[in-house]
Amino acid sequence: MRIVAGTARGRKIEAPAGDRTRPTLDRVRENLFNMLQGYIDNSTILDLFAGSGALSFEAISRGASLAVLVDSDRKAYEIQNKNAEHLGFTDRISCYCCDWHRAVPDLYKRNFIFDIIFLDPPYAITDMTDVFNFLIPVMTPNTILILEHQTGKHPLVPEQFEIIKQRSWGFCSVNFYRLSAKEEK
């Protein structure tokens, strides 16, 4: 797996061995970030269910100022730190080895607010209601949530979030969400 563009373009990153993580394919990342042009520069990123951290490392390579990676898997956490060091991104990456239930309230207490939130949960998780609701305190009205999911499955999300973009590439789809205007803080 390689970084597609930016300052670390072409550099390899590792993914945890085994089937507990499913790294976002290079072509999906490339298309996803083409859709995010204009939003990445100087942005703050939250990457829940981060796995290898490929989405965050791609964002940092393309100009994001900070990324927080959260994954409960110890091997994923170790790979994230190894990748951050290999790419020279340790000053702009923070990794959490815990469940999102614990990480998000801690980030809120530490006054983190994110511009872009990547959500790449296991495809078996289709009800994202709790996750989305937990994220509201670390969002602004302009925050973009990007949910990767299996094509043909329709994730359940709270009504106050509206889809602003959708794309599919084979078995993988992404939905872009924002808080609807009537729900903004």
Protein backbone atom coordinates (compact mmCIF):
# COMPACT_ATOMS: atom_id res chain seq x y z
CA MET A 1 0.00 0.00 0.00
CA ARG A 2 1.33 3.43 -0.94
CA ILE A 3 0.54 7.08 -0.33
CA VAL A 4 -1.12 8.29 -3.52
CA ALA A 5 -0.23 12.01 -3.57
CA GLY A 6 1.35 14.90 -1.71
CA THR A 7 4.63 15.18 0.14
CA ALA A 8 4.83 11.44 0.84
CA ARG A 9 3.65 10.36 -2.61
CA GLY A 10 4.74 6.83 -3.51
CA ARG A 11 5.96 5.99 0.01
CA LYS A 12 4.91 2.61 1.35
CA ILE A 13 2.84 2.13 4.47
CA GLU A 14 2.07 -1.09 6.26
CA ALA A 15 -1.26 -2.61 7.25
CA PRO A 16 -1.84 -4.96 10.17
CA ALA A 17 -1.58 -8.63 9.26
CA GLY A 18 -4.72 -10.72 9.36
CA ASP A 19 -8.32 -10.00 8.51
CA ARG A 20 -9.26 -7.70 11.42
CA THR A 21 -8.58 -4.60 9.30
CA ARG A 22 -9.57 -3.81 5.74
CA PRO A 23 -7.36 -1.03 4.35
CA THR A 24 -9.00 1.39 1.94
CA LEU A 25 -7.76 0.52 -1.54
CA ASP A 26 -5.36 2.93 -3.25
CA ARG A 27 -7.82 3.67 -6.08
CA VAL A 28 -10.62 4.38 -3.60
CA ARG A 29 -8.34 6.69 -1.59
CA GLU A 30 -7.28 8.48 -4.76
CA ASN A 31 -10.90 9.06 -5.85
CA LEU A 32 -11.99 9.98 -2.33
CA PHE A 33 -9.27 12.60 -1.99
CA ASN A 34 -10.03 13.99 -5.44
CA MET A 35 -13.54 14.62 -4.08
CA LEU A 36 -12.02 16.33 -1.00
CA GLN A 37 -9.85 18.80 -2.94
CA GLY A 38 -10.24 22.20 -1.37
CA TYR A 39 -11.09 20.79 2.07
CA ILE A 40 -7.80 19.12 3.07
CA ASP A 41 -5.33 22.00 3.33
CA ASN A 42 -4.74 22.89 7.02
CA SER A 43 -7.67 20.71 8.12
CA THR A 44 -7.92 18.68 11.31
CA ILE A 45 -8.79 15.02 10.80
CA LEU A 46 -10.40 12.40 13.02
CA ASP A 47 -10.04 8.85 11.76
CA LEU A 48 -12.23 6.39 13.70
CA PHE A 49 -11.74 2.68 13.03
CA ALA A 50 -8.42 3.85 11.57
CA GLY A 51 -6.78 0.47 10.86
CA SER A 52 -3.46 1.18 9.15
CA GLY A 53 -4.14 4.93 9.19
CA ALA A 54 -3.97 5.13 5.39
CA LEU A 55 -6.70 7.79 5.16
CA SER A 56 -5.04 10.02 7.76
CA PHE A 57 -1.56 9.60 6.29
CA GLU A 58 -2.94 10.47 2.86
CA ALA A 59 -4.59 13.58 4.33
CA ILE A 60 -1.39 14.70 6.10
CA SER A 61 0.61 14.09 2.90
CA ARG A 62 -1.85 16.34 1.06
CA GLY A 63 -1.66 19.21 3.57
CA ALA A 64 -3.86 18.45 6.59
CA SER A 65 -2.38 19.98 9.74
CA LEU A 66 -3.32 17.28 12.27
CA ALA A 67 -4.84 13.80 12.36
CA VAL A 68 -6.09 11.78 15.31
CA LEU A 69 -6.32 8.04 14.65
CA VAL A 70 -8.51 5.81 16.81
CA ASP A 71 -8.61 2.03 16.70
CA SER A 72 -9.20 -0.51 19.45
CA ASP A 73 -6.91 -3.11 17.88
CA ARG A 74 -3.40 -3.14 19.41
CA LYS A 75 -1.75 -4.32 16.17
CA ALA A 76 -3.40 -1.50 14.21
CA TYR A 77 -2.21 1.01 16.82
CA GLU A 78 1.36 -0.28 16.57
CA ILE A 79 1.29 -0.11 12.75
CA GLN A 80 -0.12 3.45 12.86
CA ASN A 81 2.76 4.59 15.04
CA LYS A 82 5.28 2.76 12.85
CA ASN A 83 3.81 4.33 9.69
CA ALA A 84 3.80 7.82 11.28
CA GLU A 85 7.47 7.46 12.19
CA HIS A 86 8.41 6.03 8.77
CA LEU A 87 6.70 8.93 7.00
CA GLY A 88 8.05 11.58 9.37
CA PHE A 89 4.53 12.58 10.47
CA THR A 90 4.84 11.98 14.23
CA ASP A 91 4.46 15.71 14.95
CA ARG A 92 1.06 15.80 13.20
CA ILE A 93 -0.37 12.39 14.14
CA SER A 94 -1.84 11.24 17.46
CA CYS A 95 -2.87 7.62 17.85
CA TYR A 96 -5.38 6.26 20.36
CA CYS A 97 -5.61 2.56 21.13
CA CYS A 98 -9.13 2.40 22.50
CA ASP A 99 -12.76 2.17 21.54
CA TRP A 100 -14.46 5.22 20.01
CA HIS A 101 -16.79 5.40 23.06
CA ARG A 102 -13.75 6.34 25.14
CA ALA A 103 -11.79 8.37 22.59
CA VAL A 104 -14.45 10.84 21.47
CA PRO A 105 -15.36 12.16 24.96
CA ASP A 106 -11.64 12.48 25.75
CA LEU A 107 -11.08 14.47 22.55
CA TYR A 108 -14.02 16.71 23.44
CA LYS A 109 -12.57 17.34 26.93
CA ARG A 110 -9.29 18.29 25.26
CA ASN A 111 -11.15 20.82 23.03
CA PHE A 112 -10.57 19.06 19.73
CA ILE A 113 -12.81 20.14 16.86
CA PHE A 114 -12.46 18.35 13.52
CA ASP A 115 -12.95 19.52 9.94
CA ILE A 116 -13.08 16.01 8.44
CA ILE A 117 -14.04 12.76 10.13
CA PHE A 118 -13.28 9.45 8.44
CA LEU A 119 -15.36 6.47 9.51
CA ASP A 120 -14.29 3.09 8.16
CA PRO A 121 -15.95 0.58 10.51
CA PRO A 122 -16.12 -3.14 9.86
CA TYR A 123 -18.70 -3.66 7.12
CA ALA A 124 -20.80 -5.75 9.53
CA ILE A 125 -21.57 -2.56 11.48
CA THR A 126 -24.50 -0.94 9.68
CA ASP A 127 -26.10 1.07 12.49
CA MET A 128 -23.95 4.18 12.90
CA THR A 129 -26.50 6.15 14.94
CA ASP A 130 -24.56 6.09 18.22
CA VAL A 131 -21.24 6.89 16.54
CA PHE A 132 -22.66 9.90 14.66
CA ASN A 133 -24.42 11.23 17.77
CA PHE A 134 -21.22 10.88 19.84
CA LEU A 135 -19.33 12.94 17.24
CA ILE A 136 -21.54 16.04 17.34
CA PRO A 137 -19.57 17.74 20.18
CA VAL A 138 -16.31 17.57 18.17
CA MET A 139 -17.88 18.96 15.00
CA THR A 140 -18.69 22.34 13.50
CA PRO A 141 -21.56 22.94 11.06
CA ASN A 142 -19.00 22.60 8.25
CA THR A 143 -17.47 19.30 9.40
CA ILE A 144 -17.64 16.57 6.76
CA LEU A 145 -18.16 12.98 7.90
CA ILE A 146 -17.07 10.36 5.38
CA LEU A 147 -18.44 6.88 5.94
CA GLU A 148 -17.01 3.94 4.03
CA HIS A 149 -19.40 1.01 3.75
CA GLN A 150 -20.22 -2.01 1.65
CA THR A 151 -21.96 -1.19 -1.63
CA GLY A 152 -25.64 -2.09 -1.49
CA LYS A 153 -25.83 -1.73 2.28
CA HIS A 154 -27.47 1.40 3.58
CA PRO A 155 -26.01 2.47 6.92
CA LEU A 156 -28.42 3.79 9.52
CA VAL A 157 -27.51 7.32 10.62
CA PRO A 158 -29.38 9.93 12.68
CA GLU A 159 -31.91 12.08 10.84
CA GLN A 160 -30.04 15.30 11.57
CA PHE A 161 -27.27 14.25 9.15
CA GLU A 162 -27.76 14.73 5.45
CA ILE A 163 -25.89 13.02 2.63
CA ILE A 164 -24.08 15.58 0.50
CA LYS A 165 -22.21 13.13 -1.80
CA GLN A 166 -22.18 9.41 -2.55
CA ARG A 167 -19.83 7.32 -4.65
CA SER A 168 -19.22 3.61 -5.21
CA TRP A 169 -16.23 1.66 -6.49
CA GLY A 170 -17.05 -2.03 -6.78
CA PHE A 171 -17.84 -3.44 -3.32
CA CYS A 172 -16.85 -0.18 -1.57
CA SER A 173 -19.02 2.92 -1.24
CA VAL A 174 -18.58 6.22 0.57
CA ASN A 175 -21.19 8.65 1.80
CA PHE A 176 -20.32 12.26 2.74
CA TYR A 177 -22.49 13.72 5.50
CA ARG A 178 -22.99 17.07 7.22
CA LEU A 179 -25.31 18.16 9.97
CA SER A 180 -28.43 19.45 8.26
CA ALA A 181 -28.87 23.23 8.40
CA LYS A 182 -31.77 22.99 10.85
CA GLU A 183 -29.58 20.96 13.29
CA GLU A 184 -26.47 23.13 13.29
CA LYS A 185 -25.23 24.33 16.68
